[in-house]
Amino acid sequence: MRLKLKKRRLEKGFTQKQLATKVGIHRATYSNIELGNKNPSFSVATKIKKELSTKEDDIFLIHNVPKRNKSNQKVS
């Protein structure tokens, strides 16, 4: 998540504070979303996608996360 959001934000010329203000959240909250420490609500995610002019549905997905079974064991 972190790399996609940061890359797109920088491409659009926003600072974290500018983008956070546009979507109605604190800069620290946005920073935590960008770092992957916090998941945005659907409403906030939609606003971020709109401000970044992206239709990528996977902009908030974390890739390369190992699959796990119901017992929380790694599955190959």
Foldseek 3Di string as FASTA:
>chain_A
DQVLLVVLCVVLPHDLQRLCVQLVHHSVVSVCQNVVNDPDDPSSVVSSCVVSVHPDPCSSPDPPDFDADPVRHGDD
